[in-house]
Amino acid sequence: MMKPMIEFCAGNMHHGTEKLLDKYEADDDFEGIEYGCLGNCGECYLKPFALVNGSVVVADSVEELELKIEQFLIDEEENMAALEKLLDTM
């Protein structure tokens, strides 16, 4: 199974997202990456955000973003398990 990829924009660090980047970079279960720009300039300026496996996750605070990332990964795992189960019955 591939590691979840969590990407951060350098321009979004003013919201405090470097705390999450550091956390995910230090954890071998995740692929935490910082880019100069992720192309979400409107989102980037207004709120903390990250790309999680290619999907934008946005929150009002860094703490909320961390929770939303965790929930996104749980939901994604559950969806993949349901899809695999469905495919096994076909």
PDB file of N, CA and C in Angstrom:
ATOM      1  N   MET A   1       0.838  -1.179   0.000  1.00  0.00           N
ATOM      2  CA  MET A   1       0.000   0.000   0.000  1.00  0.00           C
ATOM      3  C   MET A   1       0.892   1.255   0.000  1.00  0.00           C
ATOM      4  N   MET A   2       0.479   2.224  -0.782  1.00  0.00           N
ATOM      5  CA  MET A   2       1.253   3.456  -0.876  1.00  0.00           C
ATOM      6  C   MET A   2       1.031   4.343   0.343  1.00  0.00           C
ATOM      7  N   LYS A   3       2.063   5.104   0.661  1.00  0.00           N
ATOM      8  CA  LYS A   3       1.944   6.074   1.751  1.00  0.00           C
ATOM      9  C   LYS A   3       1.027   7.209   1.305  1.00  0.00           C
ATOM     10  N   PRO A   4       0.196   7.726   2.215  1.00  0.00           N
ATOM     11  CA  PRO A   4      -0.585   8.914   1.871  1.00  0.00           C
ATOM     12  C   PRO A   4       0.354  10.086   1.583  1.00  0.00           C
ATOM     13  N   MET A   5       0.069  10.822   0.499  1.00  0.00           N
ATOM     14  CA  MET A   5       0.873  11.980   0.128  1.00  0.00           C
ATOM     15  C   MET A   5       0.143  13.245   0.574  1.00  0.00           C
ATOM     16  N   ILE A   6       0.809  14.025   1.414  1.00  0.00           N
ATOM     17  CA  ILE A   6       0.235  15.262   1.939  1.00  0.00           C
ATOM     18  C   ILE A   6       1.153  16.398   1.513  1.00  0.00           C
ATOM     19  N   GLU A   7       0.629  17.253   0.632  1.00  0.00           N
ATOM     20  CA  GLU A   7       1.421  18.313   0.030  1.00  0.00           C
ATOM     21  C   GLU A   7       1.010  19.676   0.587  1.00  0.00           C
ATOM     22  N   PHE A   8       2.010  20.488   0.850  1.00  0.00           N
ATOM     23  CA  PHE A   8       1.780  21.821   1.396  1.00  0.00           C
ATOM     24  C   PHE A   8       2.395  22.868   0.485  1.00  0.00           C
ATOM     25  N   CYS A   9       1.797  24.050   0.487  1.00  0.00           N
ATOM     26  CA  CYS A   9       2.272  25.180  -0.305  1.00  0.00           C
ATOM     27  C   CYS A   9       3.112  26.096   0.588  1.00  0.00           C
ATOM     28  N   ALA A  10       4.291  26.482   0.106  1.00  0.00           N
ATOM     29  CA  ALA A  10       5.149  27.381   0.879  1.00  0.00           C
ATOM     30  C   ALA A  10       4.436  28.700   1.172  1.00  0.00           C
ATOM     31  N   GLY A  11       3.598  29.139   0.253  1.00  0.00           N
ATOM     32  CA  GLY A  11       2.855  30.385   0.451  1.00  0.00           C
ATOM     33  C   GLY A  11       1.768  30.298   1.491  1.00  0.00           C
ATOM     34  N   ASN A  12       1.448  29.091   1.935  1.00  0.00           N
ATOM     35  CA  ASN A  12       0.398  28.888   2.934  1.00  0.00           C
ATOM     36  C   ASN A  12       0.964  28.776   4.349  1.00  0.00           C
ATOM     37  N   MET A  13       2.267  28.802   4.477  1.00  0.00           N
ATOM     38  CA  MET A  13       2.908  28.614   5.781  1.00  0.00           C
ATOM     39  C   MET A  13       2.575  29.729   6.766  1.00  0.00           C
ATOM     40  N   HIS A  14       2.151  30.897   6.281  1.00  0.00           N
ATOM     41  CA  HIS A  14       1.803  31.991   7.191  1.00  0.00           C
ATOM     42  C   HIS A  14       0.602  31.634   8.065  1.00  0.00           C
ATOM     43  N   HIS A  15      -0.123  30.574   7.698  1.00  0.00           N
ATOM     44  CA  HIS A  15      -1.233  30.087   8.523  1.00  0.00           C
ATOM     45  C   HIS A  15      -0.758  29.129   9.613  1.00  0.00           C
ATOM     46  N   GLY A  16       0.510  28.725   9.564  1.00  0.00           N
ATOM     47  CA  GLY A  16       1.045  27.797  10.556  1.00  0.00           C
ATOM     48  C   GLY A  16       1.086  26.351  10.086  1.00  0.00           C
ATOM     49  N   THR A  17       0.902  26.132   8.794  1.00  0.00           N
ATOM     50  CA  THR A  17       0.875  24.762   8.290  1.00  0.00           C
ATOM     51  C   THR A  17       2.242  24.071   8.337  1.00  0.00           C
ATOM     52  N   GLU A  18       3.307  24.848   8.597  1.00  0.00           N
ATOM     53  CA  GLU A  18       4.625  24.205   8.699  1.00  0.00           C
ATOM     54  C   GLU A  18       4.650  23.202   9.851  1.00  0.00           C
ATOM     55  N   LYS A  19       3.823  23.400  10.857  1.00  0.00           N
ATOM     56  CA  LYS A  19       3.714  22.458  11.970  1.00  0.00           C
ATOM     57  C   LYS A  19       3.261  21.082  11.456  1.00  0.00           C
ATOM     58  N   LEU A  20       2.283  21.095  10.560  1.00  0.00           N
ATOM     59  CA  LEU A  20       1.796  19.835  10.008  1.00  0.00           C
ATOM     60  C   LEU A  20       2.802  19.242   9.028  1.00  0.00           C
ATOM     61  N   LEU A  21       3.423  20.085   8.218  1.00  0.00           N
ATOM     62  CA  LEU A  21       4.451  19.603   7.299  1.00  0.00           C
ATOM     63  C   LEU A  21       5.548  18.886   8.080  1.00  0.00           C
ATOM     64  N   ASP A  22       6.030  19.501   9.134  1.00  0.00           N
ATOM     65  CA  ASP A  22       7.077  18.885   9.959  1.00  0.00           C
ATOM     66  C   ASP A  22       6.618  17.543  10.516  1.00  0.00           C
ATOM     67  N   LYS A  23       5.377  17.484  10.960  1.00  0.00           N
ATOM     68  CA  LYS A  23       4.819  16.243  11.525  1.00  0.00           C
ATOM     69  C   LYS A  23       4.817  15.124  10.482  1.00  0.00           C
ATOM     70  N   TYR A  24       4.305  15.432   9.282  1.00  0.00           N
ATOM     71  CA  TYR A  24       4.192  14.398   8.255  1.00  0.00           C
ATOM     72  C   TYR A  24       5.543  14.037   7.639  1.00  0.00           C
ATOM     73  N   GLU A  25       6.468  14.980   7.559  1.00  0.00           N
ATOM     74  CA  GLU A  25       7.815  14.674   7.065  1.00  0.00           C
ATOM     75  C   GLU A  25       8.548  13.733   8.025  1.00  0.00           C
ATOM     76  N   ALA A  26       8.300  13.880   9.314  1.00  0.00           N
ATOM     77  CA  ALA A  26       8.990  13.079  10.326  1.00  0.00           C
ATOM     78  C   ALA A  26       8.386  11.681  10.488  1.00  0.00           C
ATOM     79  N   ASP A  27       7.179  11.479   9.974  1.00  0.00           N
ATOM     80  CA  ASP A  27       6.473  10.204  10.138  1.00  0.00           C
ATOM     81  C   ASP A  27       6.665   9.352   8.882  1.00  0.00           C
ATOM     82  N   ASP A  28       7.272   8.181   9.038  1.00  0.00           N
ATOM     83  CA  ASP A  28       7.536   7.306   7.895  1.00  0.00           C
ATOM     84  C   ASP A  28       6.273   6.737   7.254  1.00  0.00           C
ATOM     85  N   ASP A  29       5.118   6.894   7.899  1.00  0.00           N
ATOM     86  CA  ASP A  29       3.864   6.394   7.338  1.00  0.00           C
ATOM     87  C   ASP A  29       3.255   7.365   6.329  1.00  0.00           C
ATOM     88  N   PHE A  30       3.839   8.559   6.216  1.00  0.00           N
ATOM     89  CA  PHE A  30       3.312   9.592   5.324  1.00  0.00           C
ATOM     90  C   PHE A  30       4.409  10.124   4.421  1.00  0.00           C
ATOM     91  N   GLU A  31       3.990  10.701   3.322  1.00  0.00           N
ATOM     92  CA  GLU A  31       4.893  11.412   2.422  1.00  0.00           C
ATOM     93  C   GLU A  31       4.506  12.884   2.505  1.00  0.00           C
ATOM     94  N   GLY A  32       5.187  13.641   3.352  1.00  0.00           N
ATOM     95  CA  GLY A  32       4.928  15.066   3.513  1.00  0.00           C
ATOM     96  C   GLY A  32       5.857  15.859   2.616  1.00  0.00           C
ATOM     97  N   ILE A  33       5.289  16.728   1.764  1.00  0.00           N
ATOM     98  CA  ILE A  33       6.086  17.458   0.784  1.00  0.00           C
ATOM     99  C   ILE A  33       5.665  18.927   0.774  1.00  0.00           C
ATOM    100  N   GLU A  34       6.653  19.811   0.627  1.00  0.00           N
ATOM    101  CA  GLU A  34       6.378  21.242   0.473  1.00  0.00           C
ATOM    102  C   GLU A  34       6.747  21.670  -0.942  1.00  0.00           C
ATOM    103  N   TYR A  35       5.856  22.416  -1.555  1.00  0.00           N
ATOM    104  CA  TYR A  35       6.096  22.979  -2.884  1.00  0.00           C
ATOM    105  C   TYR A  35       6.040  24.493  -2.797  1.00  0.00           C
ATOM    106  N   GLY A  36       6.683  25.158  -3.729  1.00  0.00           N
ATOM    107  CA  GLY A  36       6.625  26.614  -3.784  1.00  0.00           C
ATOM    108  C   GLY A  36       5.213  27.103  -4.045  1.00  0.00           C
ATOM    109  N   CYS A  37       4.476  26.372  -4.889  1.00  0.00           N
ATOM    110  CA  CYS A  37       3.104  26.749  -5.212  1.00  0.00           C
ATOM    111  C   CYS A  37       2.344  25.508  -5.639  1.00  0.00           C
ATOM    112  N   LEU A  38       1.107  25.390  -5.161  1.00  0.00           N
ATOM    113  CA  LEU A  38       0.246  24.281  -5.559  1.00  0.00           C
ATOM    114  C   LEU A  38      -0.903  24.745  -6.455  1.00  0.00           C
ATOM    115  N   GLY A  39      -0.912  26.035  -6.801  1.00  0.00           N
ATOM    116  CA  GLY A  39      -1.920  26.541  -7.722  1.00  0.00           C
ATOM    117  C   GLY A  39      -3.277  26.814  -7.112  1.00  0.00           C
ATOM    118  N   ASN A  40      -3.355  26.899  -5.818  1.00  0.00           N
ATOM    119  CA  ASN A  40      -4.610  27.204  -5.128  1.00  0.00           C
ATOM    120  C   ASN A  40      -4.494  28.557  -4.439  1.00  0.00           C
ATOM    121  N   CYS A  41      -4.130  29.572  -5.188  1.00  0.00           N
ATOM    122  CA  CYS A  41      -3.783  30.869  -4.620  1.00  0.00           C
ATOM    123  C   CYS A  41      -4.900  31.501  -3.788  1.00  0.00           C
ATOM    124  N   GLY A  42      -6.141  31.420  -4.244  1.00  0.00           N
ATOM    125  CA  GLY A  42      -7.247  31.976  -3.471  1.00  0.00           C
ATOM    126  C   GLY A  42      -7.389  31.287  -2.125  1.00  0.00           C
ATOM    127  N   GLU A  43      -7.361  29.970  -2.148  1.00  0.00           N
ATOM    128  CA  GLU A  43      -7.451  29.160  -0.936  1.00  0.00           C
ATOM    129  C   GLU A  43      -6.239  29.421  -0.045  1.00  0.00           C
ATOM    130  N   CYS A  44      -5.096  29.473  -0.657  1.00  0.00           N
ATOM    131  CA  CYS A  44      -3.823  29.628   0.045  1.00  0.00           C
ATOM    132  C   CYS A  44      -3.783  30.908   0.873  1.00  0.00           C
ATOM    133  N   TYR A  45      -4.283  31.975   0.298  1.00  0.00           N
ATOM    134  CA  TYR A  45      -4.263  33.268   0.967  1.00  0.00           C
ATOM    135  C   TYR A  45      -5.223  33.296   2.154  1.00  0.00           C
ATOM    136  N   LEU A  46      -6.373  32.637   2.018  1.00  0.00           N
ATOM    137  CA  LEU A  46      -7.448  32.758   3.008  1.00  0.00           C
ATOM    138  C   LEU A  46      -7.383  31.785   4.172  1.00  0.00           C
ATOM    139  N   LYS A  47      -7.040  30.532   3.890  1.00  0.00           N
ATOM    140  CA  LYS A  47      -7.158  29.497   4.926  1.00  0.00           C
ATOM    141  C   LYS A  47      -6.050  28.466   4.806  1.00  0.00           C
ATOM    142  N   PRO A  48      -5.775  27.756   5.901  1.00  0.00           N
ATOM    143  CA  PRO A  48      -4.835  26.639   5.835  1.00  0.00           C
ATOM    144  C   PRO A  48      -5.401  25.536   4.937  1.00  0.00           C
ATOM    145  N   PHE A  49      -4.552  24.971   4.089  1.00  0.00           N
ATOM    146  CA  PHE A  49      -4.999  23.870   3.254  1.00  0.00           C
ATOM    147  C   PHE A  49      -3.824  22.944   2.940  1.00  0.00           C
ATOM    148  N   ALA A  50      -4.183  21.769   2.450  1.00  0.00           N
ATOM    149  CA  ALA A  50      -3.195  20.796   1.982  1.00  0.00           C
ATOM    150  C   ALA A  50      -3.833  19.983   0.873  1.00  0.00           C
ATOM    151  N   LEU A  51      -2.999  19.423   0.023  1.00  0.00           N
ATOM    152  CA  LEU A  51      -3.468  18.432  -0.935  1.00  0.00           C
ATOM    153  C   LEU A  51      -3.200  17.073  -0.314  1.00  0.00           C
ATOM    154  N   VAL A  52      -4.240  16.280  -0.186  1.00  0.00           N
ATOM    155  CA  VAL A  52      -4.108  14.953   0.403  1.00  0.00           C
ATOM    156  C   VAL A  52      -4.442  13.944  -0.689  1.00  0.00           C
ATOM    157  N   ASN A  53      -3.439  13.207  -1.106  1.00  0.00           N
ATOM    158  CA  ASN A  53      -3.596  12.279  -2.227  1.00  0.00           C
ATOM    159  C   ASN A  53      -4.267  12.949  -3.420  1.00  0.00           C
ATOM    160  N   GLY A  54      -3.914  14.202  -3.659  1.00  0.00           N
ATOM    161  CA  GLY A  54      -4.413  14.941  -4.813  1.00  0.00           C
ATOM    162  C   GLY A  54      -5.697  15.713  -4.602  1.00  0.00           C
ATOM    163  N   SER A  55      -6.332  15.568  -3.444  1.00  0.00           N
ATOM    164  CA  SER A  55      -7.584  16.284  -3.151  1.00  0.00           C
ATOM    165  C   SER A  55      -7.318  17.433  -2.189  1.00  0.00           C
ATOM    166  N   VAL A  56      -7.962  18.563  -2.441  1.00  0.00           N
ATOM    167  CA  VAL A  56      -7.786  19.740  -1.588  1.00  0.00           C
ATOM    168  C   VAL A  56      -8.569  19.547  -0.293  1.00  0.00           C
ATOM    169  N   VAL A  57      -7.894  19.767   0.834  1.00  0.00           N
ATOM    170  CA  VAL A  57      -8.523  19.749   2.159  1.00  0.00           C
ATOM    171  C   VAL A  57      -8.264  21.121   2.768  1.00  0.00           C
ATOM    172  N   VAL A  58      -9.348  21.826   3.150  1.00  0.00           N
ATOM    173  CA  VAL A  58      -9.277  23.198   3.643  1.00  0.00           C
ATOM    174  C   VAL A  58      -9.921  23.271   5.019  1.00  0.00           C
ATOM    175  N   ALA A  59      -9.396  24.147   5.877  1.00  0.00           N
ATOM    176  CA  ALA A  59      -9.966  24.321   7.212  1.00  0.00           C
ATOM    177  C   ALA A  59      -9.800  25.772   7.657  1.00  0.00           C
ATOM    178  N   ASP A  60     -10.423  26.104   8.760  1.00  0.00           N
ATOM    179  CA  ASP A  60     -10.329  27.454   9.307  1.00  0.00           C
ATOM    180  C   ASP A  60      -9.118  27.644  10.206  1.00  0.00           C
ATOM    181  N   SER A  61      -8.514  26.534  10.665  1.00  0.00           N
ATOM    182  CA  SER A  61      -7.336  26.609  11.527  1.00  0.00           C
ATOM    183  C   SER A  61      -6.443  25.411  11.229  1.00  0.00           C
ATOM    184  N   VAL A  62      -5.204  25.491  11.665  1.00  0.00           N
ATOM    185  CA  VAL A  62      -4.266  24.388  11.464  1.00  0.00           C
ATOM    186  C   VAL A  62      -4.734  23.155  12.239  1.00  0.00           C
ATOM    187  N   GLU A  63      -5.258  23.369  13.436  1.00  0.00           N
ATOM    188  CA  GLU A  63      -5.746  22.248  14.249  1.00  0.00           C
ATOM    189  C   GLU A  63      -6.906  21.543  13.544  1.00  0.00           C
ATOM    190  N   GLU A  64      -7.802  22.330  12.974  1.00  0.00           N
ATOM    191  CA  GLU A  64      -8.931  21.753  12.244  1.00  0.00           C
ATOM    192  C   GLU A  64      -8.439  21.053  10.974  1.00  0.00           C
ATOM    193  N   LEU A  65      -7.440  21.620  10.312  1.00  0.00           N
ATOM    194  CA  LEU A  65      -6.882  20.998   9.112  1.00  0.00           C
ATOM    195  C   LEU A  65      -6.308  19.623   9.444  1.00  0.00           C
ATOM    196  N   GLU A  66      -5.605  19.533  10.545  1.00  0.00           N
ATOM    197  CA  GLU A  66      -5.046  18.241  10.955  1.00  0.00           C
ATOM    198  C   GLU A  66      -6.150  17.202  11.131  1.00  0.00           C
ATOM    199  N   LEU A  67      -7.236  17.587  11.788  1.00  0.00           N
ATOM    200  CA  LEU A  67      -8.364  16.670  11.984  1.00  0.00           C
ATOM    201  C   LEU A  67      -9.018  16.301  10.661  1.00  0.00           C
ATOM    202  N   LYS A  68      -9.153  17.276   9.771  1.00  0.00           N
ATOM    203  CA  LYS A  68      -9.772  17.012   8.469  1.00  0.00           C
ATOM    204  C   LYS A  68      -8.902  16.100   7.612  1.00  0.00           C
ATOM    205  N   ILE A  69      -7.591  16.254   7.698  1.00  0.00           N
ATOM    206  CA  ILE A  69      -6.686  15.363   6.972  1.00  0.00           C
ATOM    207  C   ILE A  69      -6.846  13.939   7.485  1.00  0.00           C
ATOM    208  N   GLU A  70      -6.853  13.779   8.792  1.00  0.00           N
ATOM    209  CA  GLU A  70      -7.026  12.452   9.385  1.00  0.00           C
ATOM    210  C   GLU A  70      -8.349  11.833   8.951  1.00  0.00           C
ATOM    211  N   GLN A  71      -9.438  12.621   8.987  1.00  0.00           N
ATOM    212  CA  GLN A  71     -10.752  12.112   8.595  1.00  0.00           C
ATOM    213  C   GLN A  71     -10.791  11.784   7.105  1.00  0.00           C
ATOM    214  N   PHE A  72     -10.165  12.609   6.289  1.00  0.00           N
ATOM    215  CA  PHE A  72     -10.098  12.344   4.853  1.00  0.00           C
ATOM    216  C   PHE A  72      -9.444  10.993   4.599  1.00  0.00           C
ATOM    217  N   LEU A  73      -8.337  10.725   5.285  1.00  0.00           N
ATOM    218  CA  LEU A  73      -7.625   9.463   5.087  1.00  0.00           C
ATOM    219  C   LEU A  73      -8.439   8.267   5.557  1.00  0.00           C
ATOM    220  N   ILE A  74      -9.168   8.424   6.647  1.00  0.00           N
ATOM    221  CA  ILE A  74     -10.049   7.355   7.129  1.00  0.00           C
ATOM    222  C   ILE A  74     -11.144   7.090   6.105  1.00  0.00           C
ATOM    223  N   ASP A  75     -11.786   8.161   5.631  1.00  0.00           N
ATOM    224  CA  ASP A  75     -12.863   8.017   4.650  1.00  0.00           C
ATOM    225  C   ASP A  75     -12.352   7.372   3.365  1.00  0.00           C
ATOM    226  N   GLU A  76     -11.165   7.797   2.923  1.00  0.00           N
ATOM    227  CA  GLU A  76     -10.582   7.242   1.706  1.00  0.00           C
ATOM    228  C   GLU A  76     -10.318   5.749   1.865  1.00  0.00           C
ATOM    229  N   GLU A  77      -9.805   5.359   3.011  1.00  0.00           N
ATOM    230  CA  GLU A  77      -9.531   3.943   3.265  1.00  0.00           C
ATOM    231  C   GLU A  77     -10.828   3.133   3.280  1.00  0.00           C
ATOM    232  N   GLU A  78     -11.861   3.677   3.923  1.00  0.00           N
ATOM    233  CA  GLU A  78     -13.160   2.990   3.964  1.00  0.00           C
ATOM    234  C   GLU A  78     -13.757   2.873   2.561  1.00  0.00           C
ATOM    235  N   ASN A  79     -13.634   3.919   1.761  1.00  0.00           N
ATOM    236  CA  ASN A  79     -14.155   3.877   0.393  1.00  0.00           C
ATOM    237  C   ASN A  79     -13.426   2.844  -0.453  1.00  0.00           C
ATOM    238  N   MET A  80     -12.125   2.760  -0.292  1.00  0.00           N
ATOM    239  CA  MET A  80     -11.346   1.765  -1.043  1.00  0.00           C
ATOM    240  C   MET A  80     -11.717   0.350  -0.626  1.00  0.00           C
ATOM    241  N   ALA A  81     -11.931   0.138   0.661  1.00  0.00           N
ATOM    242  CA  ALA A  81     -12.324  -1.186   1.143  1.00  0.00           C
ATOM    243  C   ALA A  81     -13.693  -1.567   0.593  1.00  0.00           C
ATOM    244  N   ALA A  82     -14.617  -0.613   0.559  1.00  0.00           N
ATOM    245  CA  ALA A  82     -15.959  -0.874   0.017  1.00  0.00           C
ATOM    246  C   ALA A  82     -15.882  -1.179  -1.475  1.00  0.00           C
ATOM    247  N   LEU A  83     -15.041  -0.452  -2.195  1.00  0.00           N
ATOM    248  CA  LEU A  83     -14.878  -0.696  -3.629  1.00  0.00           C
ATOM    249  C   LEU A  83     -14.293  -2.077  -3.880  1.00  0.00           C
ATOM    250  N   GLU A  84     -13.278  -2.450  -3.111  1.00  0.00           N
ATOM    251  CA  GLU A  84     -12.674  -3.766  -3.266  1.00  0.00           C
ATOM    252  C   GLU A  84     -13.690  -4.874  -2.978  1.00  0.00           C
ATOM    253  N   LYS A  85     -14.519  -4.667  -1.961  1.00  0.00           N
ATOM    254  CA  LYS A  85     -15.552  -5.646  -1.620  1.00  0.00           C
ATOM    255  C   LYS A  85     -16.551  -5.786  -2.767  1.00  0.00           C
ATOM    256  N   LEU A  86     -16.952  -4.638  -3.325  1.00  0.00           N
ATOM    257  CA  LEU A  86     -17.882  -4.652  -4.445  1.00  0.00           C
ATOM    258  C   LEU A  86     -17.289  -5.373  -5.648  1.00  0.00           C
ATOM    259  N   LEU A  87     -16.033  -5.090  -5.944  1.00  0.00           N
ATOM    260  CA  LEU A  87     -15.381  -5.728  -7.076  1.00  0.00           C
ATOM    261  C   LEU A  87     -15.214  -7.226  -6.868  1.00  0.00           C
ATOM    262  N   ASP A  88     -15.024  -7.643  -5.618  1.00  0.00           N
ATOM    263  CA  ASP A  88     -14.889  -9.075  -5.323  1.00  0.00           C
ATOM    264  C   ASP A  88     -16.192  -9.821  -5.554  1.00  0.00           C
ATOM    265  N   THR A  89     -17.318  -9.142  -5.428  1.00  0.00           N
ATOM    266  CA  THR A  89     -18.617  -9.804  -5.612  1.00  0.00           C
ATOM    267  C   THR A  89     -19.030  -9.876  -7.076  1.00  0.00           C
ATOM    268  N   MET A  90     -18.296  -9.211  -7.934  1.00  0.00           N
ATOM    269  CA  MET A  90     -18.658  -9.203  -9.361  1.00  0.00           C
ATOM    270  C   MET A  90     -18.091 -10.386 -10.088  1.00  0.00           C
TER     271      MET A  90
END
